[in-house]
Amino acid sequence: WQKDSFVPNKLPDSTYIQLGGVRGNSGTDFWSAAAYLGWTAHWNGKTWKRFDELYEPNNPQYFSECLSVNGNTICIAGTKNGNSWVAIGTRKQ
């Protein structure tokens, strides 16, 4: 095991979001999602990138429930205020 980088999951109140599912294609291409607040990030082998468009830190009723990665496509599903949502992204070539 090697510690590569800190994950950007610290909240403004100095607590941390507990990470959930991790899926990927290789050691230099994987995603992590946390159930709470829709937190989602990608690891490229060097750094983490958090996707703030899927992150709602002020909505305690916003959750990402699961994620799947297949090649250049990622799918994340969750709930927001009791309604289901799905986000599908494709990597730019």
PDB file of N, CA and C in Angstrom:
ATOM      1  N   TRP A   1       0.845  -1.180   0.000  1.00  0.00           N
ATOM      2  CA  TRP A   1       0.000   0.000   0.000  1.00  0.00           C
ATOM      3  C   TRP A   1       0.877   1.225   0.000  1.00  0.00           C
ATOM      4  N   GLN A   2       0.400   2.222  -0.720  1.00  0.00           N
ATOM      5  CA  GLN A   2       1.122   3.486  -0.782  1.00  0.00           C
ATOM      6  C   GLN A   2       0.114   4.618  -0.669  1.00  0.00           C
ATOM      7  N   LYS A   3       0.378   5.568   0.205  1.00  0.00           N
ATOM      8  CA  LYS A   3      -0.500   6.724   0.322  1.00  0.00           C
ATOM      9  C   LYS A   3      -0.126   7.704  -0.779  1.00  0.00           C
ATOM     10  N   ASP A   4      -1.066   7.971  -1.682  1.00  0.00           N
ATOM     11  CA  ASP A   4      -0.778   8.822  -2.824  1.00  0.00           C
ATOM     12  C   ASP A   4      -1.158  10.271  -2.612  1.00  0.00           C
ATOM     13  N   SER A   5      -2.305  10.512  -2.013  1.00  0.00           N
ATOM     14  CA  SER A   5      -2.798  11.877  -1.915  1.00  0.00           C
ATOM     15  C   SER A   5      -3.952  11.930  -0.934  1.00  0.00           C
ATOM     16  N   PHE A   6      -4.170  13.090  -0.363  1.00  0.00           N
ATOM     17  CA  PHE A   6      -5.338  13.267   0.486  1.00  0.00           C
ATOM     18  C   PHE A   6      -6.555  13.531  -0.385  1.00  0.00           C
ATOM     19  N   VAL A   7      -7.663  12.942  -0.009  1.00  0.00           N
ATOM     20  CA  VAL A   7      -8.923  13.116  -0.727  1.00  0.00           C
ATOM     21  C   VAL A   7      -9.557  14.426  -0.251  1.00  0.00           C
ATOM     22  N   PRO A   8     -10.080  15.273  -1.168  1.00  0.00           N
ATOM     23  CA  PRO A   8     -10.661  16.561  -0.763  1.00  0.00           C
ATOM     24  C   PRO A   8     -12.070  16.410  -0.192  1.00  0.00           C
ATOM     25  N   ASN A   9     -12.176  15.727   0.964  1.00  0.00           N
ATOM     26  CA  ASN A   9     -13.492  15.461   1.539  1.00  0.00           C
ATOM     27  C   ASN A   9     -13.710  16.162   2.880  1.00  0.00           C
ATOM     28  N   LYS A  10     -12.917  17.211   3.155  1.00  0.00           N
ATOM     29  CA  LYS A  10     -13.082  17.974   4.388  1.00  0.00           C
ATOM     30  C   LYS A  10     -14.161  19.034   4.204  1.00  0.00           C
ATOM     31  N   LEU A  11     -15.073  19.132   5.175  1.00  0.00           N
ATOM     32  CA  LEU A  11     -16.160  20.109   5.136  1.00  0.00           C
ATOM     33  C   LEU A  11     -15.735  21.403   5.828  1.00  0.00           C
ATOM     34  N   PRO A  12     -16.440  22.505   5.571  1.00  0.00           N
ATOM     35  CA  PRO A  12     -16.078  23.784   6.196  1.00  0.00           C
ATOM     36  C   PRO A  12     -16.039  23.756   7.723  1.00  0.00           C
ATOM     37  N   ASP A  13     -16.814  22.873   8.356  1.00  0.00           N
ATOM     38  CA  ASP A  13     -16.812  22.798   9.822  1.00  0.00           C
ATOM     39  C   ASP A  13     -15.709  21.873  10.354  1.00  0.00           C
ATOM     40  N   SER A  14     -14.760  21.484   9.473  1.00  0.00           N
ATOM     41  CA  SER A  14     -13.602  20.641   9.800  1.00  0.00           C
ATOM     42  C   SER A  14     -13.948  19.183  10.046  1.00  0.00           C
ATOM     43  N   THR A  15     -15.169  18.759   9.712  1.00  0.00           N
ATOM     44  CA  THR A  15     -15.490  17.339   9.717  1.00  0.00           C
ATOM     45  C   THR A  15     -15.227  16.804   8.313  1.00  0.00           C
ATOM     46  N   TYR A  16     -15.359  15.498   8.155  1.00  0.00           N
ATOM     47  CA  TYR A  16     -15.067  14.876   6.870  1.00  0.00           C
ATOM     48  C   TYR A  16     -16.259  14.063   6.386  1.00  0.00           C
ATOM     49  N   ILE A  17     -16.427  14.018   5.077  1.00  0.00           N
ATOM     50  CA  ILE A  17     -17.440  13.165   4.470  1.00  0.00           C
ATOM     51  C   ILE A  17     -16.874  11.753   4.403  1.00  0.00           C
ATOM     52  N   GLN A  18     -17.631  10.781   4.893  1.00  0.00           N
ATOM     53  CA  GLN A  18     -17.201   9.390   4.823  1.00  0.00           C
ATOM     54  C   GLN A  18     -17.344   8.898   3.393  1.00  0.00           C
ATOM     55  N   LEU A  19     -16.259   8.402   2.823  1.00  0.00           N
ATOM     56  CA  LEU A  19     -16.281   7.925   1.453  1.00  0.00           C
ATOM     57  C   LEU A  19     -17.069   6.635   1.351  1.00  0.00           C
ATOM     58  N   GLY A  20     -17.714   6.470   0.204  1.00  0.00           N
ATOM     59  CA  GLY A  20     -18.498   5.271  -0.046  1.00  0.00           C
ATOM     60  C   GLY A  20     -17.876   4.454  -1.142  1.00  0.00           C
ATOM     61  N   GLY A  21     -18.621   4.232  -2.202  1.00  0.00           N
ATOM     62  CA  GLY A  21     -18.166   3.385  -3.294  1.00  0.00           C
ATOM     63  C   GLY A  21     -16.955   3.930  -4.023  1.00  0.00           C
ATOM     64  N   VAL A  22     -16.095   3.030  -4.436  1.00  0.00           N
ATOM     65  CA  VAL A  22     -14.939   3.357  -5.277  1.00  0.00           C
ATOM     66  C   VAL A  22     -14.963   2.381  -6.448  1.00  0.00           C
ATOM     67  N   ARG A  23     -14.915   2.918  -7.650  1.00  0.00           N
ATOM     68  CA  ARG A  23     -14.917   2.103  -8.870  1.00  0.00           C
ATOM     69  C   ARG A  23     -13.945   2.717  -9.851  1.00  0.00           C
ATOM     70  N   GLY A  24     -13.375   1.887 -10.721  1.00  0.00           N
ATOM     71  CA  GLY A  24     -12.477   2.435 -11.717  1.00  0.00           C
ATOM     72  C   GLY A  24     -12.009   1.427 -12.737  1.00  0.00           C
ATOM     73  N   ASN A  25     -11.190   1.930 -13.640  1.00  0.00           N
ATOM     74  CA  ASN A  25     -10.640   1.124 -14.723  1.00  0.00           C
ATOM     75  C   ASN A  25      -9.202   0.693 -14.458  1.00  0.00           C
ATOM     76  N   SER A  26      -8.484   1.487 -13.661  1.00  0.00           N
ATOM     77  CA  SER A  26      -7.077   1.191 -13.366  1.00  0.00           C
ATOM     78  C   SER A  26      -6.654   1.998 -12.150  1.00  0.00           C
ATOM     79  N   GLY A  27      -5.433   1.822 -11.718  1.00  0.00           N
ATOM     80  CA  GLY A  27      -4.907   2.555 -10.572  1.00  0.00           C
ATOM     81  C   GLY A  27      -4.738   4.035 -10.825  1.00  0.00           C
ATOM     82  N   THR A  28      -4.846   4.445 -12.075  1.00  0.00           N
ATOM     83  CA  THR A  28      -4.737   5.860 -12.413  1.00  0.00           C
ATOM     84  C   THR A  28      -6.048   6.407 -12.982  1.00  0.00           C
ATOM     85  N   ASP A  29      -7.128   5.705 -12.739  1.00  0.00           N
ATOM     86  CA  ASP A  29      -8.431   6.148 -13.246  1.00  0.00           C
ATOM     87  C   ASP A  29      -9.528   5.527 -12.403  1.00  0.00           C
ATOM     88  N   PHE A  30      -9.823   6.168 -11.261  1.00  0.00           N
ATOM     89  CA  PHE A  30     -10.957   5.669 -10.499  1.00  0.00           C
ATOM     90  C   PHE A  30     -11.721   6.799  -9.829  1.00  0.00           C
ATOM     91  N   TRP A  31     -12.939   6.481  -9.448  1.00  0.00           N
ATOM     92  CA  TRP A  31     -13.891   7.427  -8.894  1.00  0.00           C
ATOM     93  C   TRP A  31     -14.291   7.005  -7.494  1.00  0.00           C
ATOM     94  N   SER A  32     -14.639   7.991  -6.681  1.00  0.00           N
ATOM     95  CA  SER A  32     -15.184   7.712  -5.362  1.00  0.00           C
ATOM     96  C   SER A  32     -16.407   8.595  -5.166  1.00  0.00           C
ATOM     97  N   ALA A  33     -17.406   8.039  -4.540  1.00  0.00           N
ATOM     98  CA  ALA A  33     -18.611   8.800  -4.205  1.00  0.00           C
ATOM     99  C   ALA A  33     -18.943   8.542  -2.745  1.00  0.00           C
ATOM    100  N   ALA A  34     -19.456   9.556  -2.103  1.00  0.00           N
ATOM    101  CA  ALA A  34     -19.898   9.424  -0.717  1.00  0.00           C
ATOM    102  C   ALA A  34     -21.405   9.622  -0.697  1.00  0.00           C
ATOM    103  N   ALA A  35     -22.070   8.881   0.128  1.00  0.00           N
ATOM    104  CA  ALA A  35     -23.527   8.993   0.165  1.00  0.00           C
ATOM    105  C   ALA A  35     -23.967  10.408   0.512  1.00  0.00           C
ATOM    106  N   TYR A  36     -23.319  11.022   1.478  1.00  0.00           N
ATOM    107  CA  TYR A  36     -23.778  12.302   2.009  1.00  0.00           C
ATOM    108  C   TYR A  36     -23.419  13.472   1.100  1.00  0.00           C
ATOM    109  N   LEU A  37     -24.385  14.298   0.754  1.00  0.00           N
ATOM    110  CA  LEU A  37     -24.223  15.564   0.029  1.00  0.00           C
ATOM    111  C   LEU A  37     -23.831  15.410  -1.432  1.00  0.00           C
ATOM    112  N   GLY A  38     -23.820  14.193  -1.971  1.00  0.00           N
ATOM    113  CA  GLY A  38     -23.510  13.993  -3.377  1.00  0.00           C
ATOM    114  C   GLY A  38     -22.044  14.158  -3.723  1.00  0.00           C
ATOM    115  N   TRP A  39     -21.154  14.038  -2.737  1.00  0.00           N
ATOM    116  CA  TRP A  39     -19.723  14.230  -2.966  1.00  0.00           C
ATOM    117  C   TRP A  39     -19.195  13.180  -3.945  1.00  0.00           C
ATOM    118  N   THR A  40     -18.494  13.627  -5.006  1.00  0.00           N
ATOM    119  CA  THR A  40     -17.941  12.743  -6.026  1.00  0.00           C
ATOM    120  C   THR A  40     -16.565  13.268  -6.437  1.00  0.00           C
ATOM    121  N   ALA A  41     -15.596  12.375  -6.605  1.00  0.00           N
ATOM    122  CA  ALA A  41     -14.260  12.806  -7.023  1.00  0.00           C
ATOM    123  C   ALA A  41     -13.603  11.745  -7.907  1.00  0.00           C
ATOM    124  N   HIS A  42     -12.631  12.190  -8.707  1.00  0.00           N
ATOM    125  CA  HIS A  42     -11.888  11.315  -9.623  1.00  0.00           C
ATOM    126  C   HIS A  42     -10.394  11.382  -9.303  1.00  0.00           C
ATOM    127  N   TRP A  43      -9.739  10.221  -9.344  1.00  0.00           N
ATOM    128  CA  TRP A  43      -8.296  10.105  -9.135  1.00  0.00           C
ATOM    129  C   TRP A  43      -7.644   9.791 -10.479  1.00  0.00           C
ATOM    130  N   ASN A  44      -6.685  10.617 -10.902  1.00  0.00           N
ATOM    131  CA  ASN A  44      -6.017  10.408 -12.191  1.00  0.00           C
ATOM    132  C   ASN A  44      -4.630   9.799 -12.045  1.00  0.00           C
ATOM    133  N   GLY A  45      -4.300   9.332 -10.864  1.00  0.00           N
ATOM    134  CA  GLY A  45      -2.990   8.760 -10.621  1.00  0.00           C
ATOM    135  C   GLY A  45      -2.042   9.729  -9.941  1.00  0.00           C
ATOM    136  N   LYS A  46      -2.405  11.019  -9.938  1.00  0.00           N
ATOM    137  CA  LYS A  46      -1.575  12.052  -9.303  1.00  0.00           C
ATOM    138  C   LYS A  46      -2.370  12.924  -8.339  1.00  0.00           C
ATOM    139  N   THR A  47      -3.590  13.304  -8.733  1.00  0.00           N
ATOM    140  CA  THR A  47      -4.383  14.211  -7.913  1.00  0.00           C
ATOM    141  C   THR A  47      -5.859  13.819  -7.960  1.00  0.00           C
ATOM    142  N   TRP A  48      -6.598  14.318  -6.972  1.00  0.00           N
ATOM    143  CA  TRP A  48      -8.046  14.165  -6.922  1.00  0.00           C
ATOM    144  C   TRP A  48      -8.703  15.405  -7.495  1.00  0.00           C
ATOM    145  N   LYS A  49      -9.813  15.234  -8.213  1.00  0.00           N
ATOM    146  CA  LYS A  49     -10.639  16.346  -8.678  1.00  0.00           C
ATOM    147  C   LYS A  49     -12.049  16.102  -8.170  1.00  0.00           C
ATOM    148  N   ARG A  50     -12.545  17.030  -7.356  1.00  0.00           N
ATOM    149  CA  ARG A  50     -13.909  16.924  -6.858  1.00  0.00           C
ATOM    150  C   ARG A  50     -14.846  17.559  -7.883  1.00  0.00           C
ATOM    151  N   PHE A  51     -15.996  16.921  -8.112  1.00  0.00           N
ATOM    152  CA  PHE A  51     -16.977  17.433  -9.064  1.00  0.00           C
ATOM    153  C   PHE A  51     -18.067  18.183  -8.305  1.00  0.00           C
ATOM    154  N   ASP A  52     -17.859  19.496  -8.179  1.00  0.00           N
ATOM    155  CA  ASP A  52     -18.768  20.315  -7.389  1.00  0.00           C
ATOM    156  C   ASP A  52     -20.160  20.436  -7.997  1.00  0.00           C
ATOM    157  N   GLU A  53     -20.306  20.167  -9.295  1.00  0.00           N
ATOM    158  CA  GLU A  53     -21.643  20.223  -9.888  1.00  0.00           C
ATOM    159  C   GLU A  53     -22.546  19.105  -9.366  1.00  0.00           C
ATOM    160  N   LEU A  54     -21.951  18.077  -8.745  1.00  0.00           N
ATOM    161  CA  LEU A  54     -22.734  16.990  -8.139  1.00  0.00           C
ATOM    162  C   LEU A  54     -22.737  17.074  -6.609  1.00  0.00           C
ATOM    163  N   TYR A  55     -22.236  18.164  -6.066  1.00  0.00           N
ATOM    164  CA  TYR A  55     -22.020  18.305  -4.631  1.00  0.00           C
ATOM    165  C   TYR A  55     -22.897  19.433  -4.099  1.00  0.00           C
ATOM    166  N   GLU A  56     -23.745  19.158  -3.122  1.00  0.00           N
ATOM    167  CA  GLU A  56     -24.614  20.168  -2.522  1.00  0.00           C
ATOM    168  C   GLU A  56     -24.380  20.204  -1.012  1.00  0.00           C
ATOM    169  N   PRO A  57     -23.335  20.928  -0.577  1.00  0.00           N
ATOM    170  CA  PRO A  57     -22.964  20.909   0.841  1.00  0.00           C
ATOM    171  C   PRO A  57     -24.004  21.499   1.786  1.00  0.00           C
ATOM    172  N   ASN A  58     -24.970  22.251   1.268  1.00  0.00           N
ATOM    173  CA  ASN A  58     -25.977  22.859   2.138  1.00  0.00           C
ATOM    174  C   ASN A  58     -27.313  22.132   2.116  1.00  0.00           C
ATOM    175  N   ASN A  59     -27.352  20.938   1.525  1.00  0.00           N
ATOM    176  CA  ASN A  59     -28.604  20.187   1.438  1.00  0.00           C
ATOM    177  C   ASN A  59     -28.448  18.829   2.107  1.00  0.00           C
ATOM    178  N   PRO A  60     -28.866  18.706   3.381  1.00  0.00           N
ATOM    179  CA  PRO A  60     -28.724  17.424   4.086  1.00  0.00           C
ATOM    180  C   PRO A  60     -29.640  16.320   3.555  1.00  0.00           C
ATOM    181  N   GLN A  61     -30.494  16.632   2.576  1.00  0.00           N
ATOM    182  CA  GLN A  61     -31.375  15.626   1.980  1.00  0.00           C
ATOM    183  C   GLN A  61     -30.896  15.228   0.581  1.00  0.00           C
ATOM    184  N   TYR A  62     -29.597  15.400   0.310  1.00  0.00           N
ATOM    185  CA  TYR A  62     -29.012  15.097  -1.000  1.00  0.00           C
ATOM    186  C   TYR A  62     -27.988  13.983  -0.830  1.00  0.00           C
ATOM    187  N   PHE A  63     -28.197  12.868  -1.545  1.00  0.00           N
ATOM    188  CA  PHE A  63     -27.339  11.702  -1.381  1.00  0.00           C
ATOM    189  C   PHE A  63     -26.974  11.102  -2.738  1.00  0.00           C
ATOM    190  N   SER A  64     -25.758  10.610  -2.868  1.00  0.00           N
ATOM    191  CA  SER A  64     -25.400   9.751  -4.001  1.00  0.00           C
ATOM    192  C   SER A  64     -25.385   8.336  -3.443  1.00  0.00           C
ATOM    193  N   GLU A  65     -26.163   7.460  -4.029  1.00  0.00           N
ATOM    194  CA  GLU A  65     -26.367   6.121  -3.480  1.00  0.00           C
ATOM    195  C   GLU A  65     -25.413   5.077  -4.062  1.00  0.00           C
ATOM    196  N   CYS A  66     -25.067   5.213  -5.355  1.00  0.00           N
ATOM    197  CA  CYS A  66     -24.208   4.217  -5.982  1.00  0.00           C
ATOM    198  C   CYS A  66     -23.541   4.809  -7.223  1.00  0.00           C
ATOM    199  N   LEU A  67     -22.464   4.164  -7.659  1.00  0.00           N
ATOM    200  CA  LEU A  67     -21.796   4.583  -8.880  1.00  0.00           C
ATOM    201  C   LEU A  67     -21.273   3.379  -9.631  1.00  0.00           C
ATOM    202  N   SER A  68     -21.135   3.546 -10.936  1.00  0.00           N
ATOM    203  CA  SER A  68     -20.609   2.507 -11.805  1.00  0.00           C
ATOM    204  C   SER A  68     -19.718   3.164 -12.843  1.00  0.00           C
ATOM    205  N   VAL A  69     -18.611   2.508 -13.179  1.00  0.00           N
ATOM    206  CA  VAL A  69     -17.681   3.017 -14.185  1.00  0.00           C
ATOM    207  C   VAL A  69     -17.467   1.919 -15.211  1.00  0.00           C
ATOM    208  N   ASN A  70     -17.550   2.295 -16.491  1.00  0.00           N
ATOM    209  CA  ASN A  70     -17.298   1.350 -17.580  1.00  0.00           C
ATOM    210  C   ASN A  70     -16.577   2.119 -18.680  1.00  0.00           C
ATOM    211  N   GLY A  71     -15.292   1.881 -18.816  1.00  0.00           N
ATOM    212  CA  GLY A  71     -14.512   2.599 -19.819  1.00  0.00           C
ATOM    213  C   GLY A  71     -14.545   4.091 -19.561  1.00  0.00           C
ATOM    214  N   ASN A  72     -15.042   4.850 -20.513  1.00  0.00           N
ATOM    215  CA  ASN A  72     -15.086   6.305 -20.401  1.00  0.00           C
ATOM    216  C   ASN A  72     -16.409   6.844 -19.868  1.00  0.00           C
ATOM    217  N   THR A  73     -17.270   5.974 -19.358  1.00  0.00           N
ATOM    218  CA  THR A  73     -18.583   6.403 -18.878  1.00  0.00           C
ATOM    219  C   THR A  73     -18.719   6.124 -17.385  1.00  0.00           C
ATOM    220  N   ILE A  74     -19.257   7.102 -16.658  1.00  0.00           N
ATOM    221  CA  ILE A  74     -19.566   6.927 -15.242  1.00  0.00           C
ATOM    222  C   ILE A  74     -21.040   7.245 -15.041  1.00  0.00           C
ATOM    223  N   CYS A  75     -21.687   6.482 -14.177  1.00  0.00           N
ATOM    224  CA  CYS A  75     -23.087   6.700 -13.844  1.00  0.00           C
ATOM    225  C   CYS A  75     -23.197   6.743 -12.317  1.00  0.00           C
ATOM    226  N   ILE A  76     -23.843   7.781 -11.813  1.00  0.00           N
ATOM    227  CA  ILE A  76     -24.057   7.938 -10.377  1.00  0.00           C
ATOM    228  C   ILE A  76     -25.549   8.143 -10.162  1.00  0.00           C
ATOM    229  N   ALA A  77     -26.116   7.461  -9.180  1.00  0.00           N
ATOM    230  CA  ALA A  77     -27.539   7.601  -8.873  1.00  0.00           C
ATOM    231  C   ALA A  77     -27.701   7.963  -7.403  1.00  0.00           C
ATOM    232  N   GLY A  78     -28.745   8.732  -7.117  1.00  0.00           N
ATOM    233  CA  GLY A  78     -28.978   9.132  -5.744  1.00  0.00           C
ATOM    234  C   GLY A  78     -30.373   9.677  -5.529  1.00  0.00           C
ATOM    235  N   THR A  79     -30.536  10.372  -4.394  1.00  0.00           N
ATOM    236  CA  THR A  79     -31.809  11.006  -4.071  1.00  0.00           C
ATOM    237  C   THR A  79     -31.566  12.447  -3.643  1.00  0.00           C
ATOM    238  N   LYS A  80     -32.567  13.288  -3.918  1.00  0.00           N
ATOM    239  CA  LYS A  80     -32.524  14.688  -3.509  1.00  0.00           C
ATOM    240  C   LYS A  80     -33.919  15.062  -3.033  1.00  0.00           C
ATOM    241  N   ASN A  81     -34.015  15.381  -1.756  1.00  0.00           N
ATOM    242  CA  ASN A  81     -35.296  15.769  -1.162  1.00  0.00           C
ATOM    243  C   ASN A  81     -36.386  14.730  -1.443  1.00  0.00           C
ATOM    244  N   GLY A  82     -36.020  13.449  -1.417  1.00  0.00           N
ATOM    245  CA  GLY A  82     -36.968  12.370  -1.609  1.00  0.00           C
ATOM    246  C   GLY A  82     -37.183  11.945  -3.053  1.00  0.00           C
ATOM    247  N   ASN A  83     -36.584  12.647  -4.022  1.00  0.00           N
ATOM    248  CA  ASN A  83     -36.704  12.297  -5.443  1.00  0.00           C
ATOM    249  C   ASN A  83     -35.405  11.673  -5.940  1.00  0.00           C
ATOM    250  N   SER A  84     -35.523  10.731  -6.855  1.00  0.00           N
ATOM    251  CA  SER A  84     -34.348  10.058  -7.412  1.00  0.00           C
ATOM    252  C   SER A  84     -33.716  10.892  -8.513  1.00  0.00           C
ATOM    253  N   TRP A  85     -32.382  10.776  -8.662  1.00  0.00           N
ATOM    254  CA  TRP A  85     -31.661  11.423  -9.748  1.00  0.00           C
ATOM    255  C   TRP A  85     -30.588  10.481 -10.275  1.00  0.00           C
ATOM    256  N   VAL A  86     -30.205  10.675 -11.529  1.00  0.00           N
ATOM    257  CA  VAL A  86     -29.130   9.911 -12.171  1.00  0.00           C
ATOM    258  C   VAL A  86     -28.268  10.897 -12.935  1.00  0.00           C
ATOM    259  N   ALA A  87     -26.947  10.785 -12.788  1.00  0.00           N
ATOM    260  CA  ALA A  87     -26.007  11.592 -13.565  1.00  0.00           C
ATOM    261  C   ALA A  87     -25.137  10.644 -14.354  1.00  0.00           C
ATOM    262  N   ILE A  88     -25.039  10.880 -15.661  1.00  0.00           N
ATOM    263  CA  ILE A  88     -24.201  10.062 -16.539  1.00  0.00           C
ATOM    264  C   ILE A  88     -23.188  10.987 -17.205  1.00  0.00           C
ATOM    265  N   GLY A  89     -21.930  10.628 -17.085  1.00  0.00           N
ATOM    266  CA  GLY A  89     -20.875  11.445 -17.681  1.00  0.00           C
ATOM    267  C   GLY A  89     -19.998  10.606 -18.581  1.00  0.00           C
ATOM    268  N   THR A  90     -19.481  11.257 -19.618  1.00  0.00           N
ATOM    269  CA  THR A  90     -18.570  10.608 -20.566  1.00  0.00           C
ATOM    270  C   THR A  90     -17.295  11.423 -20.638  1.00  0.00           C
ATOM    271  N   ARG A  91     -16.172  10.749 -20.552  1.00  0.00           N
ATOM    272  CA  ARG A  91     -14.870  11.418 -20.612  1.00  0.00           C
ATOM    273  C   ARG A  91     -14.656  12.015 -21.993  1.00  0.00           C
ATOM    274  N   LYS A  92     -14.149  13.237 -22.018  1.00  0.00           N
ATOM    275  CA  LYS A  92     -13.799  13.874 -23.281  1.00  0.00           C
ATOM    276  C   LYS A  92     -12.537  13.223 -23.823  1.00  0.00           C
ATOM    277  N   GLN A  93     -12.523  12.933 -25.089  1.00  0.00           N
ATOM    278  CA  GLN A  93     -11.369  12.286 -25.713  1.00  0.00           C
ATOM    279  C   GLN A  93     -10.310  13.290 -26.108  1.00  0.00           C
TER     280      GLN A  93
END
